[in-house]
Protein backbone atom coordinates (compact mmCIF):
# COMPACT_ATOMS: atom_id res chain seq x y z
CA LEU A 1 29.65 -73.75 -98.99
CA GLY A 2 27.40 -71.71 -98.47
CA THR A 3 28.42 -68.69 -96.26
CA ILE A 4 31.81 -69.82 -96.43
CA PRO A 5 33.54 -67.45 -98.71
CA THR A 6 36.26 -68.69 -100.88
CA VAL A 7 39.33 -67.93 -100.33
CA LEU A 8 42.83 -68.30 -102.95
CA PRO A 9 43.55 -71.88 -103.93
CA ILE A 10 46.83 -71.66 -101.29
CA PRO A 11 47.76 -74.61 -99.14
CA ALA A 12 46.42 -72.87 -96.37
CA PRO A 13 50.13 -74.70 -93.98
CA HIS A 14 52.27 -73.49 -96.05
CA LEU A 15 51.15 -69.93 -95.43
CA LEU A 16 53.22 -69.88 -92.36
CA PRO A 17 56.32 -71.20 -91.14
CA PRO A 18 56.55 -74.47 -89.99
CA LEU A 19 56.39 -74.57 -85.68
CA ASP A 20 56.95 -77.91 -83.27
CA ILE A 21 54.73 -77.42 -80.64
CA PRO A 22 55.43 -79.91 -77.81
CA ARG A 23 52.92 -82.48 -76.20
CA ALA A 24 52.47 -83.24 -73.29
CA GLY A 25 54.42 -86.07 -71.73
CA GLN A 26 57.13 -85.70 -74.14
CA PRO A 27 60.80 -84.69 -72.98
CA ILE A 28 60.83 -81.39 -72.69
CA ARG A 29 64.89 -81.14 -73.86
CA ASP A 30 62.83 -82.07 -77.58
CA HIS A 31 61.39 -78.37 -77.80
CA PRO A 32 62.27 -75.28 -78.80
CA PHE A 33 60.42 -73.91 -75.46
CA ALA A 34 62.83 -76.11 -73.58
CA TYR A 35 64.60 -73.17 -72.59
CA LEU A 36 63.11 -73.05 -69.00
CA LYS A 37 60.92 -75.70 -67.20
CA THR A 38 59.61 -75.00 -63.56
CA LYS A 39 60.24 -77.86 -61.56
CA MET A 40 57.05 -79.40 -59.40
CA SER A 41 58.82 -81.88 -57.10
CA ASN A 42 56.50 -82.89 -54.72
CA GLY A 43 53.22 -81.43 -56.01
CA SER A 44 54.81 -77.75 -55.61
CA ALA A 45 55.76 -75.62 -58.66
CA ASN A 46 58.45 -72.69 -58.74
CA SER A 47 57.40 -69.78 -56.38
CA ASN A 48 57.91 -67.28 -59.35
CA SER A 49 54.82 -68.11 -60.85
CA SER A 50 52.59 -67.77 -58.17
CA THR A 51 52.74 -64.15 -58.37
CA ILE A 52 51.97 -64.36 -62.17
CA SER A 53 49.10 -66.62 -61.56
CA ASP A 54 46.78 -64.16 -59.65
CA GLY A 55 43.72 -64.03 -62.18
CA GLN A 56 42.08 -61.21 -59.14
CA ARG A 57 44.96 -58.73 -59.66
CA THR A 58 43.90 -55.38 -60.01
CA THR A 59 45.47 -51.87 -61.24
CA SER A 60 44.50 -48.37 -61.80
CA ILE A 61 41.46 -48.01 -64.66
CA ARG A 62 42.93 -48.13 -67.88
CA ASN A 63 39.35 -47.66 -69.77
CA SER A 64 37.72 -44.75 -68.08
CA ILE A 65 34.63 -45.15 -66.46
CA ASP A 66 32.26 -42.56 -64.99
CA ALA A 67 32.29 -42.62 -61.41
CA SER A 68 29.51 -40.43 -60.87
CA SER A 69 27.11 -41.04 -63.66
CA LEU A 70 27.15 -45.12 -62.14
CA ALA A 71 26.51 -43.87 -58.87
CA SER A 72 23.73 -42.03 -60.22
CA TRP A 73 22.15 -45.70 -61.71
CA MET A 74 23.35 -47.75 -59.15
CA ILE A 75 21.30 -45.50 -56.57
CA HIS A 76 18.02 -46.44 -58.30
CA GLN A 77 18.56 -50.16 -58.01
CA PRO A 78 17.08 -52.41 -55.43
CA ALA A 79 19.54 -55.59 -54.88
CA LEU A 80 22.29 -52.83 -54.99
CA ILE A 81 21.02 -50.77 -51.82
CA ASP A 82 20.19 -53.36 -49.84
CA LEU A 83 24.27 -54.81 -50.22
CA PHE A 84 25.71 -51.40 -50.20
CA PHE A 85 23.77 -49.94 -47.17
CA ASP A 86 21.29 -50.43 -44.04
CA THR A 87 17.95 -49.64 -44.98
CA ASN A 88 16.57 -50.07 -41.70
CA SER A 89 18.16 -47.14 -39.92
CA ASN A 90 16.38 -43.87 -39.78
CA ASN A 91 18.87 -41.62 -41.79
CA GLY A 92 16.62 -41.79 -44.57
CA PRO A 93 16.79 -43.19 -48.36
CA PRO A 94 20.75 -42.83 -49.24
CA ASP A 95 21.74 -40.36 -52.34
CA LYS A 96 23.97 -40.33 -55.21
CA SER A 97 26.53 -38.59 -53.39
CA GLN A 98 26.63 -41.27 -50.57
CA LEU A 99 27.22 -43.81 -52.58
CA GLU A 100 29.82 -41.68 -54.61
CA ASP A 101 31.48 -41.09 -51.75
CA ARG A 102 32.56 -44.48 -50.97
CA LEU A 103 32.91 -45.64 -54.23
CA GLU A 104 36.57 -46.92 -55.32
CA ILE A 105 36.99 -48.44 -58.77
CA ARG A 106 40.50 -50.26 -59.64
CA GLN A 107 40.29 -52.45 -63.09
CA PHE A 108 41.43 -56.43 -63.05
CA GLY A 109 44.35 -57.15 -65.23
CA PHE A 110 43.99 -60.11 -66.51
CA GLY A 111 41.07 -61.00 -69.27
CA GLN A 112 41.05 -59.91 -72.72
CA SER A 113 37.92 -59.63 -73.88
CA ASN A 114 35.40 -56.98 -71.97
CA PRO A 115 36.63 -54.23 -69.10
CA THR A 116 35.91 -55.57 -65.94
CA TYR A 117 36.26 -53.72 -62.51
CA LEU A 118 36.35 -54.46 -59.11
CA LEU A 119 34.33 -51.77 -57.23
CA THR A 120 34.81 -51.22 -53.38
CA ILE A 121 31.79 -49.54 -51.61
CA LYS A 122 33.65 -48.61 -48.22
CA SER A 123 32.41 -48.33 -44.66
CA THR A 124 33.24 -44.63 -44.37
CA PRO A 125 33.71 -42.03 -47.13
CA LYS A 126 36.27 -40.48 -48.35
CA SER A 127 35.25 -37.12 -47.46
CA ASP A 128 35.22 -37.88 -43.47
CA PRO A 129 37.24 -41.39 -42.88
CA GLY A 130 37.13 -40.93 -39.22
CA SER A 131 33.09 -41.15 -39.24
CA ILE A 132 31.28 -44.91 -37.24
CA ASN A 133 29.33 -46.92 -40.09
CA ASN A 134 27.99 -50.48 -39.35
CA LYS A 135 28.06 -51.55 -42.63
CA LYS A 136 31.42 -53.35 -43.19
CA SER A 137 32.76 -52.54 -47.08
CA ILE A 138 31.21 -54.26 -49.66
CA GLN A 139 33.05 -55.33 -53.06
CA VAL A 140 30.78 -56.26 -56.22
CA VAL A 141 32.23 -56.52 -60.25
CA LEU A 142 31.35 -54.41 -63.09
CA ARG A 143 31.40 -55.82 -66.85
CA ARG A 144 31.14 -53.74 -69.46
CA LYS A 145 31.32 -53.89 -73.31
CA PRO A 146 34.37 -52.54 -75.11
CA ASN A 147 33.46 -48.83 -76.68
CA LYS A 148 34.61 -50.47 -79.66
CA VAL A 149 33.05 -54.01 -81.26
CA ALA A 150 33.80 -55.62 -84.55
CA HIS A 151 30.71 -57.27 -84.40
CA PRO A 152 26.78 -56.53 -83.15
CA THR A 153 26.47 -59.71 -81.68
CA SER A 154 30.16 -59.68 -80.05
CA HIS A 155 30.60 -59.18 -76.52
CA ALA A 156 26.87 -60.01 -75.46
CA LEU A 157 26.54 -59.34 -72.18
CA HIS A 158 23.16 -59.67 -72.13
CA ARG A 159 23.00 -63.23 -72.72
CA GLU A 160 25.66 -63.81 -70.15
CA TYR A 161 23.15 -62.22 -67.67
CA ARG A 162 20.75 -64.06 -68.56
CA VAL A 163 22.50 -67.41 -67.91
CA LEU A 164 23.67 -66.04 -64.72
CA GLU A 165 20.18 -65.43 -63.80
CA SER A 166 18.67 -68.67 -65.08
CA LEU A 167 21.69 -70.68 -63.32
CA THR A 168 20.69 -69.20 -60.05
CA LYS A 169 16.80 -69.79 -60.59
CA TYR A 170 18.32 -73.52 -61.49
CA ASN A 171 20.85 -73.57 -58.09
CA LEU A 172 18.20 -72.40 -55.94
CA GLN A 173 15.85 -75.10 -57.43
CA LEU A 174 18.67 -77.77 -56.91
CA ALA A 175 18.69 -76.55 -53.19
CA GLU A 176 15.15 -76.34 -52.57
CA SER A 177 14.71 -80.47 -53.67
CA GLY A 178 16.36 -81.29 -50.55
CA GLY A 179 18.16 -84.85 -50.65
CA ALA A 180 21.16 -85.99 -50.78
CA ASN A 181 23.21 -86.45 -54.02
CA ALA A 182 25.89 -88.28 -54.26
CA ILE A 183 27.39 -85.52 -56.67
CA ASP A 184 26.76 -81.76 -56.37
CA LYS A 185 24.53 -81.10 -59.55
CA SER A 186 24.84 -77.20 -59.05
CA VAL A 187 26.92 -74.67 -61.57
CA PRO A 188 28.72 -72.34 -59.42
CA ILE A 189 28.57 -68.87 -60.19
CA PRO A 190 28.68 -65.44 -59.32
CA HIS A 191 25.51 -63.82 -58.21
CA PRO A 192 23.72 -61.20 -60.38
CA TYR A 193 22.44 -58.29 -59.34
CA ALA A 194 21.90 -55.47 -61.81
CA TYR A 195 21.84 -55.01 -65.56
CA CYS A 196 21.72 -51.89 -67.69
CA LYS A 197 21.56 -51.62 -71.12
CA ASP A 198 21.31 -47.69 -71.29
CA GLU A 199 24.65 -47.18 -73.27
CA SER A 200 24.76 -43.46 -72.02
CA ILE A 201 25.43 -44.15 -67.80
CA ILE A 202 29.15 -45.41 -68.49
CA GLY A 203 29.16 -45.56 -72.16
CA ALA A 204 28.81 -48.98 -72.70
CA GLU A 205 25.95 -52.04 -71.90
CA PHE A 206 27.29 -53.36 -68.64
CA TYR A 207 26.13 -55.45 -65.38
CA ILE A 208 27.31 -55.69 -61.55
CA MET A 209 27.60 -59.00 -60.42
CA GLU A 210 29.51 -60.44 -56.85
CA TYR A 211 32.31 -60.30 -56.22
CA VAL A 212 33.47 -64.09 -55.29
CA LYS A 213 37.08 -64.41 -53.26
CA GLY A 214 39.46 -67.05 -53.86
CA ARG A 215 41.75 -68.32 -56.07
CA ILE A 216 42.25 -67.69 -60.16
CA PHE A 217 44.99 -69.63 -61.96
CA VAL A 218 46.06 -68.12 -64.77
CA ASP A 219 48.44 -70.71 -64.60
CA PRO A 220 46.95 -74.48 -64.87
CA ARG A 221 49.83 -75.96 -63.51
CA MET A 222 48.33 -74.79 -59.98
CA PRO A 223 51.55 -73.79 -58.26
CA SER A 224 50.37 -72.82 -55.53
CA MET A 225 48.06 -75.57 -54.53
CA GLU A 226 49.92 -77.71 -51.69
CA ASN A 227 50.33 -80.79 -53.48
CA GLU A 228 49.57 -83.36 -55.77
CA GLU A 229 46.73 -84.93 -54.22
CA GLU A 230 44.93 -81.59 -54.35
CA ARG A 231 45.86 -80.71 -57.70
CA ALA A 232 44.23 -83.84 -58.93
CA GLU A 233 40.98 -82.82 -56.74
CA ALA A 234 41.05 -79.79 -57.99
CA TYR A 235 41.16 -80.77 -61.72
CA ARG A 236 38.30 -83.80 -60.99
CA ASP A 237 35.93 -80.88 -59.70
CA ALA A 238 36.58 -78.75 -62.66
CA ILE A 239 36.16 -81.63 -64.67
CA ARG A 240 32.71 -82.18 -62.58
CA VAL A 241 31.59 -78.72 -62.60
CA MET A 242 31.95 -78.93 -66.83
CA ALA A 243 29.64 -81.84 -67.18
CA ASN A 244 27.20 -80.22 -64.52
CA ILE A 245 26.81 -77.01 -66.80
CA HIS A 246 25.94 -79.91 -69.92
CA ASN A 247 23.09 -81.55 -68.18
CA VAL A 248 21.30 -78.44 -66.78
CA PRO A 249 17.52 -79.06 -67.77
CA TRP A 250 17.77 -75.75 -69.95
CA TRP A 251 14.28 -76.06 -70.99
CA SER A 252 12.85 -75.53 -67.25
CA ILE A 253 14.74 -72.23 -66.47
CA GLY A 254 14.44 -69.81 -68.97
CA LEU A 255 17.09 -70.98 -71.65
CA GLU A 256 14.52 -72.36 -74.26
CA LYS A 257 15.63 -69.35 -76.59
CA HIS A 258 19.56 -68.88 -75.53
CA GLY A 259 21.25 -70.55 -78.64
CA GLY A 260 20.25 -72.58 -82.00
CA ARG A 261 18.32 -76.02 -82.26
CA PRO A 262 20.77 -79.04 -83.55
CA GLY A 263 20.34 -79.35 -87.27
CA LYS A 264 18.22 -82.69 -88.38
CA LYS A 265 19.61 -85.47 -90.23
CA SER A 266 18.58 -87.61 -93.27
CA ASP A 267 19.10 -90.92 -94.14
CA ASP A 268 22.36 -89.90 -95.76
CA GLY A 269 23.30 -88.42 -92.00
CA LYS A 270 23.53 -84.88 -93.48
CA ASN A 271 21.61 -82.17 -91.93
CA THR A 272 18.71 -80.79 -93.76
CA ASN A 273 17.36 -78.31 -91.50
CA ASN A 274 19.31 -76.43 -89.24
CA PRO A 275 22.63 -76.29 -89.34
CA THR A 276 25.08 -78.11 -86.72
CA TYR A 277 26.51 -75.93 -83.37
CA ILE A 278 29.83 -76.31 -85.65
CA GLU A 279 28.42 -74.82 -88.49
CA ARG A 280 26.41 -71.70 -87.20
CA GLN A 281 29.84 -71.02 -85.21
CA LEU A 282 32.12 -70.97 -88.44
CA GLN A 283 29.52 -68.72 -90.16
CA ARG A 284 29.31 -66.52 -87.43
CA LEU A 285 33.52 -66.53 -86.75
CA LEU A 286 34.28 -65.98 -90.26
CA GLN A 287 32.01 -62.67 -90.63
CA VAL A 288 33.63 -61.40 -87.29
CA THR A 289 36.93 -61.68 -88.82
CA SER A 290 36.14 -60.15 -92.17
CA ARG A 291 34.95 -57.63 -89.59
CA GLN A 292 38.08 -57.31 -87.44
CA SER A 293 40.09 -56.94 -91.00
CA GLU A 294 38.43 -54.21 -92.06
CA LEU A 295 38.80 -52.18 -88.79
CA MET A 296 42.46 -53.36 -88.92
CA LYS A 297 42.99 -51.93 -92.05
CA SER A 298 41.70 -48.61 -91.23
CA ASN A 299 43.31 -48.39 -87.92
CA THR A 300 47.05 -48.78 -89.41
CA ASP A 301 49.07 -47.50 -91.95
CA LYS A 302 51.24 -50.82 -91.93
CA PRO A 303 51.74 -53.31 -94.76
CA GLN A 304 48.96 -55.87 -94.72
CA GLU A 305 50.66 -58.68 -96.65
CA ASP A 306 51.06 -59.96 -93.20
CA ASN A 307 47.68 -59.88 -92.22
CA GLU A 308 46.14 -61.41 -95.36
CA LYS A 309 48.18 -64.15 -95.36
CA LEU A 310 46.58 -64.88 -91.77
CA GLU A 311 43.01 -63.97 -92.84
CA GLN A 312 43.98 -66.59 -95.45
CA SER A 313 44.94 -69.29 -93.53
CA LEU A 314 41.70 -68.63 -90.83
CA HIS A 315 39.70 -69.17 -94.19
CA GLN A 316 41.35 -72.11 -95.32
CA MET A 317 40.53 -73.91 -91.64
CA ALA A 318 37.14 -73.25 -91.50
CA LYS A 319 36.80 -74.78 -94.67
CA LYS A 320 38.45 -77.89 -93.67
CA LEU A 321 36.28 -77.85 -90.15
CA HIS A 322 32.93 -77.43 -92.17
CA GLU A 323 33.51 -80.40 -94.78
CA HIS A 324 33.23 -82.54 -91.42
CA ALA A 325 30.51 -80.36 -89.21
CA THR A 326 27.78 -82.00 -90.55
CA ASP A 327 28.87 -85.09 -88.96
CA CYS A 328 29.90 -84.57 -85.84
CA PRO A 329 28.45 -86.14 -82.95
CA ASN A 330 26.79 -82.72 -82.35
CA ALA A 331 25.38 -83.06 -78.55
CA PHE A 332 23.61 -80.51 -77.54
CA GLY A 333 22.99 -78.75 -74.21
CA LEU A 334 24.10 -75.81 -72.78
CA LEU A 335 27.82 -74.41 -73.21
CA HIS A 336 30.00 -72.05 -72.08
CA GLY A 337 31.34 -71.29 -74.72
CA ASP A 338 34.90 -70.51 -73.28
CA TYR A 339 35.68 -73.65 -69.67
CA LYS A 340 39.07 -73.69 -69.06
CA ILE A 341 40.89 -73.19 -65.65
CA ASP A 342 41.76 -69.53 -65.53
CA ASN A 343 37.86 -68.63 -66.17
CA LEU A 344 37.36 -70.89 -62.65
CA ILE A 345 37.39 -69.34 -59.24
CA PHE A 346 38.76 -71.75 -56.33
CA HIS A 347 38.12 -71.86 -53.08
CA PRO A 348 40.84 -69.79 -50.75
CA THR A 349 41.93 -73.03 -49.52
CA LYS A 350 40.32 -76.17 -50.95
CA PRO A 351 40.40 -77.92 -54.26
CA LYS A 352 36.72 -77.34 -54.81
CA VAL A 353 35.55 -74.48 -57.99
CA MET A 354 33.64 -71.98 -56.18
CA ALA A 355 32.59 -69.92 -59.59
CA VAL A 356 32.83 -70.19 -63.05
CA LEU A 357 32.94 -66.75 -64.82
CA ASP A 358 32.86 -65.10 -68.22
CA TRP A 359 30.00 -66.63 -70.04
CA GLU A 360 29.97 -64.03 -72.61
CA LEU A 361 30.19 -67.30 -74.74
CA SER A 362 27.70 -69.09 -73.48
CA THR A 363 25.10 -70.73 -76.24
CA MET A 364 23.01 -74.07 -76.87
CA GLY A 365 25.86 -76.52 -78.76
CA ASP A 366 27.93 -78.89 -78.52
CA GLY A 367 29.69 -80.12 -75.15
CA TYR A 368 32.60 -81.47 -76.71
CA CYS A 369 33.70 -78.53 -77.35
CA ASP A 370 33.75 -77.06 -74.01
CA LEU A 371 35.78 -79.90 -73.10
CA ALA A 372 38.11 -79.80 -76.15
CA ASN A 373 38.67 -75.84 -75.28
CA LEU A 374 39.83 -77.40 -71.53
CA CYS A 375 42.34 -79.52 -73.60
CA MET A 376 43.92 -77.08 -75.24
CA MET A 377 46.17 -76.22 -72.60
CA TYR A 378 48.07 -79.61 -73.30
CA PHE A 379 48.93 -78.21 -76.95
CA MET A 380 50.16 -74.73 -75.24
CA PRO A 381 53.71 -73.72 -74.05
CA GLU A 382 53.79 -73.27 -70.66
CA ILE A 383 53.26 -69.78 -69.45
CA GLU A 384 57.34 -68.43 -69.15
CA LYS A 385 57.18 -69.01 -73.09
CA GLY A 386 55.61 -65.25 -72.69
CA TRP A 387 52.42 -66.07 -74.52
CA GLY A 388 50.50 -64.38 -72.21
CA VAL A 389 48.23 -67.34 -71.62
CA ALA A 390 49.69 -70.77 -70.36
CA GLY A 391 49.40 -73.96 -71.10
CA LEU A 392 51.42 -77.62 -70.11
CA GLY A 393 52.46 -78.39 -73.43
CA GLY A 394 56.21 -80.34 -73.03
CA MET A 395 55.33 -80.93 -69.39
CA ASP A 396 55.87 -84.04 -67.77
CA LEU A 397 52.54 -84.74 -65.89
CA ASN A 398 54.43 -87.04 -63.48
CA GLY A 399 53.55 -86.63 -59.93
CA THR A 400 51.94 -83.71 -60.34
CA GLY A 401 48.23 -84.26 -59.98
CA ILE A 402 47.48 -82.79 -63.35
CA PRO A 403 45.51 -85.34 -65.39
CA THR A 404 46.30 -86.32 -69.08
CA ARG A 405 44.18 -85.15 -72.00
CA ASN A 406 42.75 -88.99 -71.80
CA ASP A 407 42.03 -88.80 -68.08
CA VAL A 408 40.30 -85.52 -68.86
CA LEU A 409 38.22 -87.47 -71.20
CA SER A 410 37.24 -90.37 -69.50
CA THR A 411 36.22 -87.93 -65.99
CA TYR A 412 34.01 -86.22 -68.06
CA CYS A 413 32.39 -89.07 -69.90
CA GLU A 414 32.22 -90.41 -65.96
CA TYR A 415 30.15 -87.63 -64.74
CA SER A 416 28.04 -87.21 -67.35
CA GLN A 417 27.11 -91.11 -67.61
CA HIS A 418 26.27 -90.54 -63.94
CA HIS A 419 23.96 -87.49 -64.84
CA TYR A 420 22.15 -89.66 -67.31
CA GLN A 421 21.59 -92.43 -65.38
CA THR A 422 20.33 -90.10 -62.51
CA LEU A 423 17.72 -88.81 -65.30
CA LYS A 424 16.56 -92.08 -66.27
CA GLN A 425 15.29 -92.57 -62.54
CA LYS A 426 13.36 -89.49 -62.18
CA GLN A 427 10.65 -87.11 -64.19
CA LEU A 428 11.98 -84.29 -66.25
CA PRO A 429 10.78 -81.32 -66.63
CA PRO A 430 8.21 -81.10 -69.27
CA LEU A 431 9.65 -79.61 -72.97
CA SER A 432 8.35 -76.75 -74.62
CA PRO A 433 6.70 -77.18 -77.84
CA SER A 434 9.50 -75.56 -79.63
CA SER A 435 12.27 -77.63 -78.14
CA VAL A 436 14.29 -80.12 -79.40
CA SER A 437 13.48 -83.98 -78.25
CA GLN A 438 14.28 -84.74 -74.67
CA SER A 439 16.45 -87.61 -76.15
CA LEU A 440 18.69 -85.21 -77.29
CA THR A 441 19.09 -83.24 -74.30
CA ILE A 442 19.98 -85.74 -72.02
CA ARG A 443 22.59 -88.14 -74.35
CA PRO A 444 25.70 -88.81 -72.06
CA ALA A 445 29.02 -88.72 -73.48
CA ASN A 446 30.55 -91.52 -74.73
CA PHE A 447 34.79 -91.85 -74.39
CA ASN A 448 35.66 -93.78 -77.40
CA GLU A 449 33.50 -91.13 -79.76
CA ALA A 450 35.10 -87.95 -77.62
CA LYS A 451 38.32 -89.70 -77.99
CA ALA A 452 38.03 -89.95 -81.72
CA TRP A 453 36.98 -86.57 -82.40
CA ALA A 454 38.68 -85.24 -80.27
CA GLY A 455 41.18 -83.71 -82.94
CA PHE A 456 38.75 -82.37 -84.76
CA TYR A 457 36.83 -80.36 -81.93
CA LEU A 458 40.60 -78.96 -80.44
CA SER A 459 41.15 -77.88 -84.26
CA PHE A 460 37.73 -76.25 -84.11
CA LEU A 461 38.49 -74.47 -80.76
CA PHE A 462 41.99 -72.89 -82.01
CA PHE A 463 40.68 -72.00 -84.73
CA LYS A 464 37.78 -70.05 -82.94
CA ASN A 465 40.79 -68.52 -80.27
CA CYS A 466 42.28 -67.78 -83.36
CA VAL A 467 39.75 -65.50 -84.18
CA ILE A 468 39.27 -64.15 -80.90
CA VAL A 469 42.92 -62.93 -80.82
CA HIS A 470 42.60 -61.49 -84.11
CA GLY A 471 39.68 -59.19 -81.99
CA VAL A 472 42.45 -58.68 -79.67
CA ALA A 473 44.80 -57.56 -82.01
CA GLN A 474 42.14 -55.17 -84.19
CA ARG A 475 41.45 -53.88 -80.58
CA ALA A 476 44.86 -53.27 -79.50
CA SER A 477 45.50 -51.75 -82.95
CA SER A 478 42.61 -49.13 -82.13
CA GLY A 479 43.99 -48.20 -78.67
CA VAL A 480 40.67 -50.10 -76.93
CA ALA A 481 41.97 -53.41 -75.96
CA SER A 482 40.77 -54.30 -72.21
CA SER A 483 44.05 -56.10 -70.62
CA GLU A 484 47.68 -54.49 -69.82
CA MET A 485 48.56 -57.83 -71.64
CA ALA A 486 46.04 -57.30 -74.97
CA HIS A 487 49.07 -56.23 -77.02
CA ARG A 488 51.67 -59.52 -76.25
CA VAL A 489 48.62 -61.47 -77.22
CA ALA A 490 48.25 -60.02 -80.25
CA LYS A 491 51.43 -61.18 -81.34
CA LEU A 492 50.16 -64.81 -80.66
CA LEU A 493 48.19 -64.79 -83.75
CA PRO A 494 50.52 -66.56 -85.99
CA GLU A 495 52.09 -69.23 -83.53
CA MET A 496 48.32 -69.65 -82.94
CA MET A 497 47.88 -70.46 -86.11
CA ARG A 498 50.32 -72.88 -86.86
CA LEU A 499 49.32 -74.78 -83.85
CA THR A 500 45.98 -75.03 -85.06
CA TRP A 501 47.22 -76.97 -88.62
CA LYS A 502 49.37 -78.92 -86.70
CA ILE A 503 46.80 -80.58 -84.35
CA TRP A 504 44.25 -80.98 -87.56
CA ASP A 505 47.26 -82.65 -89.66
CA GLU A 506 48.41 -85.19 -86.61
CA TYR A 507 44.69 -85.54 -85.04
CA PRO A 508 42.36 -85.99 -88.69
CA PRO A 509 39.04 -85.91 -87.69
CA PRO A 510 37.63 -90.12 -88.04
CA THR A 511 37.07 -91.23 -91.71
CA ASP A 512 35.89 -94.99 -90.33
CA TYR A 513 33.10 -93.62 -87.62
CA LEU A 514 30.71 -96.35 -86.91
CA GLY A 515 28.47 -95.02 -84.39
CA ARG A 516 28.67 -94.16 -80.83
CA ASP A 517 30.45 -97.30 -79.86
CA GLY A 518 31.83 -98.68 -82.29
CA TYR A 519 35.07 -97.25 -84.85
CA SER A 520 37.10 -99.40 -87.14
CA LYS A 521 40.53 -97.57 -85.85
CA LEU A 522 41.10 -96.04 -82.88
């Protein structure tokens, strides 16, 4: 296995107690999560959920930030000065004190990875609230790295900012190209304003972007949607945007070096050069896991037996995934890396995606991973279970407008095929010599293939999220977790690990793969 560490020969599923996870469509009374179900009659959910699903709620600052130092830096950023001040006035250039006097900082309550803040530049200064200013209050978002990171490449905000800049360029190209398209191919994102790698400013790398007002559904049931039709359209638009991401001409917008390249296969079907996306991810995730475990051991005096069992289970799952990683479809394109409903901002009143958030894990790789990431919600319990994250596990989807998992696969493949047909009819931007072949870039998704490999990709994504939750647990143990729910989320790791093994056992990778269009058994 090369860099995949060896582990004790313990059957990994037996390291943890059995767990029965509900499947979407299965009667909820048959599950241990059945004690509470939100009814969705006529397409609307229990009103209690609407307060839970406010993904843009803010709190007082939990991770301290030096407002004075931040103001000193912002005053030298042209894009921010144009946004915050009336530069056409005769009052001269603004200074730090003017900005600091109008700056209010709060922290978003949702999200466990990078501390994220809402900056409000008020129209009137705090020292003179009665003064008159023609400039309206402006709100922007600041994202920063945590104070402590387990791995040097974790929390890669510079990559996130680069993707936002590149996609801004792509969206502008689409707008300038004119012509009516049957399907909007843009990738909606917050506009990036300024990036800072100087950790001395606020103690960590950070960047500032547009604040997009809208709805973030922490609960994938989308309880505040008006009706079944709107909910169905919202999901369809989310799938459309995901397909748009995977079909971005990355080689023409500055993303040639954004990630690795797909492995080339020899006659026996094995990769001979570059590893597949899954192989690359497994290697890095295990490195991160090992580092996180070391930090957890140094931050607590508690017995380590449970942590060691969980770590062994993670390594055993990595070994299983690695055995099939060279045979998976291994499509290639731009990935979001964590595509899910609560990373989308929807229009305040319409079922339309206004912005895709959290590009920290974006890279070049296999689009089926984003697809599986979205489909994880069908195996997660509903929000009342108290996992801190919400799913659709055990829910009867009839009459809700929420698509089934097969519907998601089918709709995604439909949009992917549309992109492919469009690209065939137009001249593609030229590829640089260092890029992979054009045929790999424009390969459309295939429903039979997506369905046959769905369990493999789901298992990988649950494994990946186990590593992420493991990191939340590590940061919680060291007191630097960025979310108010971090300690609660950290306790999910044993249950998520059991769920990962359950999915692997019930939906194993195909052993009868005959190519993209044929399987001996489905």
